[in-house]
Amino acid sequence: MGLLALTFIMALYILMWDSIAQRWNAAGRHTEMESSAYFAAESLMTTPGEPESWEMLPHIDGNVSAIGLVNGRNELSRMKLEKLVAENATSYEAITARLGMQRYEFGMRVTDLRGNKVYYEFGKFSFGMLNNSLIFDRLGMLDGEPVIVHMEVWGR
């Protein structure tokens, strides 16, 4: 009887330990994705990029080390947004790599404050269909008007 009880307790312990380890790993992956998304958003919304006039280059390639969308803090540049959108089909992987999110999918949309009018859209969206997606909004200025920069990051 004691051996049966000990076997039951050991089996329960092993099952619980495996569940805890899986949850711990999932939490770590989510935290890592959250950090990458935060730093990508900061790069896009607070820096002009490197080089500062990357939008003038023919393509986003090895000559561009960082992508930023602003001329001043939160003042979005139409030229940079247009270049980013134009390069979406051909340079999506290079762009996500420059943002430090090569392990994730990324989508960004610039809209009016109510979200009714879309000015620019870049990347890939899961449309909130996945449990492992992060969705957040940042305020920005586009031609002196306030806009929402909606971003979604999700695991591959």
C-alpha atoms as a PDB file:
ATOM      1  CA  MET A   1       0.000   0.000   0.000  1.00  0.00           C
ATOM      2  CA  GLY A   2       2.845   2.380   0.870  1.00  0.00           C
ATOM      3  CA  LEU A   3       4.564   1.653  -2.430  1.00  0.00           C
ATOM      4  CA  LEU A   4       1.354   2.457  -4.314  1.00  0.00           C
ATOM      5  CA  ALA A   5       0.970   5.766  -2.443  1.00  0.00           C
ATOM      6  CA  LEU A   6       4.618   6.653  -3.087  1.00  0.00           C
ATOM      7  CA  THR A   7       4.218   5.849  -6.808  1.00  0.00           C
ATOM      8  CA  PHE A   8       1.099   8.021  -6.985  1.00  0.00           C
ATOM      9  CA  ILE A   9       2.852  10.939  -5.256  1.00  0.00           C
ATOM     10  CA  MET A  10       5.902  10.631  -7.534  1.00  0.00           C
ATOM     11  CA  ALA A  11       3.737  10.528 -10.688  1.00  0.00           C
ATOM     12  CA  LEU A  12       1.793  13.576  -9.508  1.00  0.00           C
ATOM     13  CA  TYR A  13       5.040  15.401  -8.745  1.00  0.00           C
ATOM     14  CA  ILE A  14       6.494  14.625 -12.201  1.00  0.00           C
ATOM     15  CA  LEU A  15       3.321  15.791 -13.965  1.00  0.00           C
ATOM     16  CA  MET A  16       3.185  19.020 -11.956  1.00  0.00           C
ATOM     17  CA  TRP A  17       6.897  19.692 -12.513  1.00  0.00           C
ATOM     18  CA  ASP A  18       6.494  19.291 -16.282  1.00  0.00           C
ATOM     19  CA  SER A  19       3.509  21.664 -16.301  1.00  0.00           C
ATOM     20  CA  ILE A  20       5.411  24.275 -14.286  1.00  0.00           C
ATOM     21  CA  ALA A  21       8.420  24.024 -16.618  1.00  0.00           C
ATOM     22  CA  GLN A  22       6.214  24.485 -19.697  1.00  0.00           C
ATOM     23  CA  ARG A  23       4.516  27.532 -18.181  1.00  0.00           C
ATOM     24  CA  TRP A  24       7.860  29.006 -17.163  1.00  0.00           C
ATOM     25  CA  ASN A  25       9.203  28.603 -20.721  1.00  0.00           C
ATOM     26  CA  ALA A  26       6.051  30.146 -22.232  1.00  0.00           C
ATOM     27  CA  ALA A  27       6.295  33.112 -19.869  1.00  0.00           C
ATOM     28  CA  GLY A  28       9.953  33.587 -20.812  1.00  0.00           C
ATOM     29  CA  ARG A  29       9.164  33.531 -24.540  1.00  0.00           C
ATOM     30  CA  HIS A  30       6.356  36.047 -24.038  1.00  0.00           C
ATOM     31  CA  THR A  31       8.626  38.367 -22.037  1.00  0.00           C
ATOM     32  CA  GLU A  32      11.280  38.147 -24.755  1.00  0.00           C
ATOM     33  CA  MET A  33       8.715  39.003 -27.449  1.00  0.00           C
ATOM     34  CA  GLU A  34       7.433  41.882 -25.321  1.00  0.00           C
ATOM     35  CA  SER A  35      10.959  43.311 -24.958  1.00  0.00           C
ATOM     36  CA  SER A  36      11.639  43.034 -28.686  1.00  0.00           C
ATOM     37  CA  ALA A  37       8.342  44.748 -29.495  1.00  0.00           C
ATOM     38  CA  TYR A  38       9.018  47.560 -27.032  1.00  0.00           C
ATOM     39  CA  PHE A  39      12.500  48.282 -28.395  1.00  0.00           C
ATOM     40  CA  ALA A  40      11.227  48.143 -31.996  1.00  0.00           C
ATOM     41  CA  ALA A  41       8.468  50.637 -31.160  1.00  0.00           C
ATOM     42  CA  GLU A  42      10.980  52.911 -29.450  1.00  0.00           C
ATOM     43  CA  SER A  43      13.276  52.749 -32.458  1.00  0.00           C
ATOM     44  CA  LEU A  44      10.469  53.547 -34.885  1.00  0.00           C
ATOM     45  CA  MET A  45       8.909  56.358 -32.864  1.00  0.00           C
ATOM     46  CA  THR A  46      11.906  58.115 -31.310  1.00  0.00           C
ATOM     47  CA  THR A  47      14.750  57.912 -33.850  1.00  0.00           C
ATOM     48  CA  PRO A  48      15.164  58.876 -37.502  1.00  0.00           C
ATOM     49  CA  GLY A  49      17.103  55.658 -38.162  1.00  0.00           C
ATOM     50  CA  GLU A  50      20.687  55.030 -39.209  1.00  0.00           C
ATOM     51  CA  PRO A  51      21.583  56.561 -41.550  1.00  0.00           C
ATOM     52  CA  GLU A  52      19.120  59.350 -40.854  1.00  0.00           C
ATOM     53  CA  SER A  53      18.132  59.579 -44.524  1.00  0.00           C
ATOM     54  CA  TRP A  54      17.676  55.822 -45.091  1.00  0.00           C
ATOM     55  CA  GLU A  55      14.476  56.495 -47.028  1.00  0.00           C
ATOM     56  CA  MET A  56      16.563  58.006 -49.868  1.00  0.00           C
ATOM     57  CA  LEU A  57      18.451  54.752 -50.489  1.00  0.00           C
ATOM     58  CA  PRO A  58      17.212  52.522 -53.326  1.00  0.00           C
ATOM     59  CA  HIS A  59      16.533  49.586 -50.977  1.00  0.00           C
ATOM     60  CA  ILE A  60      16.611  48.684 -47.317  1.00  0.00           C
ATOM     61  CA  ASP A  61      19.711  46.513 -47.217  1.00  0.00           C
ATOM     62  CA  GLY A  62      23.019  46.238 -45.374  1.00  0.00           C
ATOM     63  CA  ASN A  63      23.563  49.993 -45.669  1.00  0.00           C
ATOM     64  CA  VAL A  64      20.654  50.582 -43.252  1.00  0.00           C
ATOM     65  CA  SER A  65      21.511  49.580 -39.696  1.00  0.00           C
ATOM     66  CA  ALA A  66      18.383  50.975 -37.973  1.00  0.00           C
ATOM     67  CA  ILE A  67      14.943  52.058 -39.103  1.00  0.00           C
ATOM     68  CA  GLY A  68      13.206  55.028 -37.559  1.00  0.00           C
ATOM     69  CA  LEU A  69      10.108  56.826 -38.810  1.00  0.00           C
ATOM     70  CA  VAL A  70      10.408  60.239 -37.220  1.00  0.00           C
ATOM     71  CA  ASN A  71      12.095  63.539 -37.919  1.00  0.00           C
ATOM     72  CA  GLY A  72      11.665  64.584 -34.277  1.00  0.00           C
ATOM     73  CA  ARG A  73      10.253  62.682 -31.315  1.00  0.00           C
ATOM     74  CA  ASN A  74       6.871  61.239 -32.397  1.00  0.00           C
ATOM     75  CA  GLU A  75       6.795  63.493 -35.522  1.00  0.00           C
ATOM     76  CA  LEU A  76       6.281  60.919 -38.262  1.00  0.00           C
ATOM     77  CA  SER A  77       7.899  61.443 -41.654  1.00  0.00           C
ATOM     78  CA  ARG A  78       5.664  60.747 -44.652  1.00  0.00           C
ATOM     79  CA  MET A  79       8.697  59.931 -46.799  1.00  0.00           C
ATOM     80  CA  LYS A  80       9.923  57.308 -44.321  1.00  0.00           C
ATOM     81  CA  LEU A  81       6.451  55.802 -43.970  1.00  0.00           C
ATOM     82  CA  GLU A  82       6.023  55.658 -47.749  1.00  0.00           C
ATOM     83  CA  LYS A  83       9.426  53.989 -48.155  1.00  0.00           C
ATOM     84  CA  LEU A  84       8.607  51.449 -45.459  1.00  0.00           C
ATOM     85  CA  VAL A  85       5.286  50.591 -47.124  1.00  0.00           C
ATOM     86  CA  ALA A  86       6.910  50.400 -50.576  1.00  0.00           C
ATOM     87  CA  GLU A  87       9.542  47.960 -49.290  1.00  0.00           C
ATOM     88  CA  ASN A  88       6.989  45.739 -47.514  1.00  0.00           C
ATOM     89  CA  ALA A  89       6.722  43.123 -50.272  1.00  0.00           C
ATOM     90  CA  THR A  90      10.435  42.847 -51.046  1.00  0.00           C
ATOM     91  CA  SER A  91      12.253  43.687 -47.791  1.00  0.00           C
ATOM     92  CA  TYR A  92       9.923  42.551 -44.981  1.00  0.00           C
ATOM     93  CA  GLU A  93      12.533  40.147 -43.552  1.00  0.00           C
ATOM     94  CA  ALA A  94      15.315  42.761 -43.689  1.00  0.00           C
ATOM     95  CA  ILE A  95      13.084  45.336 -42.013  1.00  0.00           C
ATOM     96  CA  THR A  96      12.070  43.039 -39.156  1.00  0.00           C
ATOM     97  CA  ALA A  97      15.744  42.127 -38.703  1.00  0.00           C
ATOM     98  CA  ARG A  98      16.713  45.819 -38.470  1.00  0.00           C
ATOM     99  CA  LEU A  99      14.009  46.203 -35.818  1.00  0.00           C
ATOM    100  CA  GLY A 100      15.407  43.239 -33.857  1.00  0.00           C
ATOM    101  CA  MET A 101      12.303  41.131 -34.461  1.00  0.00           C
ATOM    102  CA  GLN A 102      13.560  38.488 -36.884  1.00  0.00           C
ATOM    103  CA  ARG A 103      11.910  35.806 -34.711  1.00  0.00           C
ATOM    104  CA  TYR A 104       8.472  37.456 -34.848  1.00  0.00           C
ATOM    105  CA  GLU A 105       5.900  38.725 -37.299  1.00  0.00           C
ATOM    106  CA  PHE A 106       5.148  42.431 -37.177  1.00  0.00           C
ATOM    107  CA  GLY A 107       2.384  44.679 -38.438  1.00  0.00           C
ATOM    108  CA  MET A 108       1.994  48.442 -38.132  1.00  0.00           C
ATOM    109  CA  ARG A 109      -0.880  50.688 -39.112  1.00  0.00           C
ATOM    110  CA  VAL A 110      -1.085  54.497 -38.899  1.00  0.00           C
ATOM    111  CA  THR A 111      -4.660  55.738 -38.488  1.00  0.00           C
ATOM    112  CA  ASP A 112      -6.603  58.786 -37.395  1.00  0.00           C
ATOM    113  CA  LEU A 113      -7.484  58.974 -33.689  1.00  0.00           C
ATOM    114  CA  ARG A 114     -10.761  57.093 -34.133  1.00  0.00           C
ATOM    115  CA  GLY A 115      -9.153  54.373 -36.259  1.00  0.00           C
ATOM    116  CA  ASN A 116     -11.528  55.084 -39.146  1.00  0.00           C
ATOM    117  CA  LYS A 117      -8.978  56.231 -41.725  1.00  0.00           C
ATOM    118  CA  VAL A 118      -5.829  54.217 -42.449  1.00  0.00           C
ATOM    119  CA  TYR A 119      -2.953  56.376 -43.688  1.00  0.00           C
ATOM    120  CA  TYR A 120      -0.233  53.711 -43.873  1.00  0.00           C
ATOM    121  CA  GLU A 121      -0.024  49.970 -43.311  1.00  0.00           C
ATOM    122  CA  PHE A 122       3.031  47.759 -43.156  1.00  0.00           C
ATOM    123  CA  GLY A 123       3.741  44.116 -42.393  1.00  0.00           C
ATOM    124  CA  LYS A 124       1.632  41.171 -41.357  1.00  0.00           C
ATOM    125  CA  PHE A 125      -1.249  41.034 -38.893  1.00  0.00           C
ATOM    126  CA  SER A 126      -2.843  38.123 -37.049  1.00  0.00           C
ATOM    127  CA  PHE A 127      -5.902  40.326 -36.413  1.00  0.00           C
ATOM    128  CA  GLY A 128      -5.922  39.259 -32.763  1.00  0.00           C
ATOM    129  CA  MET A 129      -6.633  35.644 -33.693  1.00  0.00           C
ATOM    130  CA  LEU A 130      -3.623  34.283 -31.824  1.00  0.00           C
ATOM    131  CA  ASN A 131      -3.082  33.942 -28.091  1.00  0.00           C
ATOM    132  CA  ASN A 132       0.580  34.836 -28.432  1.00  0.00           C
ATOM    133  CA  SER A 133       0.170  38.280 -30.001  1.00  0.00           C
ATOM    134  CA  LEU A 134       0.945  41.679 -28.505  1.00  0.00           C
ATOM    135  CA  ILE A 135      -1.104  44.653 -29.609  1.00  0.00           C
ATOM    136  CA  PHE A 136      -0.317  48.189 -28.558  1.00  0.00           C
ATOM    137  CA  ASP A 137      -0.878  51.741 -29.739  1.00  0.00           C
ATOM    138  CA  ARG A 138       1.380  54.783 -29.677  1.00  0.00           C
ATOM    139  CA  LEU A 139       0.466  58.391 -30.311  1.00  0.00           C
ATOM    140  CA  GLY A 140       2.286  60.240 -33.044  1.00  0.00           C
ATOM    141  CA  MET A 141       2.003  63.373 -35.154  1.00  0.00           C
ATOM    142  CA  LEU A 142       1.607  63.301 -38.931  1.00  0.00           C
ATOM    143  CA  ASP A 143       1.646  66.695 -40.650  1.00  0.00           C
ATOM    144  CA  GLY A 144       0.717  68.365 -37.363  1.00  0.00           C
ATOM    145  CA  GLU A 145      -2.273  66.069 -36.759  1.00  0.00           C
ATOM    146  CA  PRO A 146      -2.369  63.465 -33.995  1.00  0.00           C
ATOM    147  CA  VAL A 147      -2.469  59.852 -35.205  1.00  0.00           C
ATOM    148  CA  ILE A 148      -2.427  56.388 -33.684  1.00  0.00           C
ATOM    149  CA  VAL A 149       0.436  54.071 -34.582  1.00  0.00           C
ATOM    150  CA  HIS A 150      -1.068  50.631 -34.015  1.00  0.00           C
ATOM    151  CA  MET A 151       1.436  47.792 -33.750  1.00  0.00           C
ATOM    152  CA  GLU A 152       0.996  44.054 -33.525  1.00  0.00           C
ATOM    153  CA  VAL A 153       3.763  41.536 -32.850  1.00  0.00           C
ATOM    154  CA  TRP A 154       3.196  37.799 -32.842  1.00  0.00           C
ATOM    155  CA  GLY A 155       5.230  34.619 -32.764  1.00  0.00           C
ATOM    156  CA  ARG A 156       6.144  32.647 -35.848  1.00  0.00           C
END
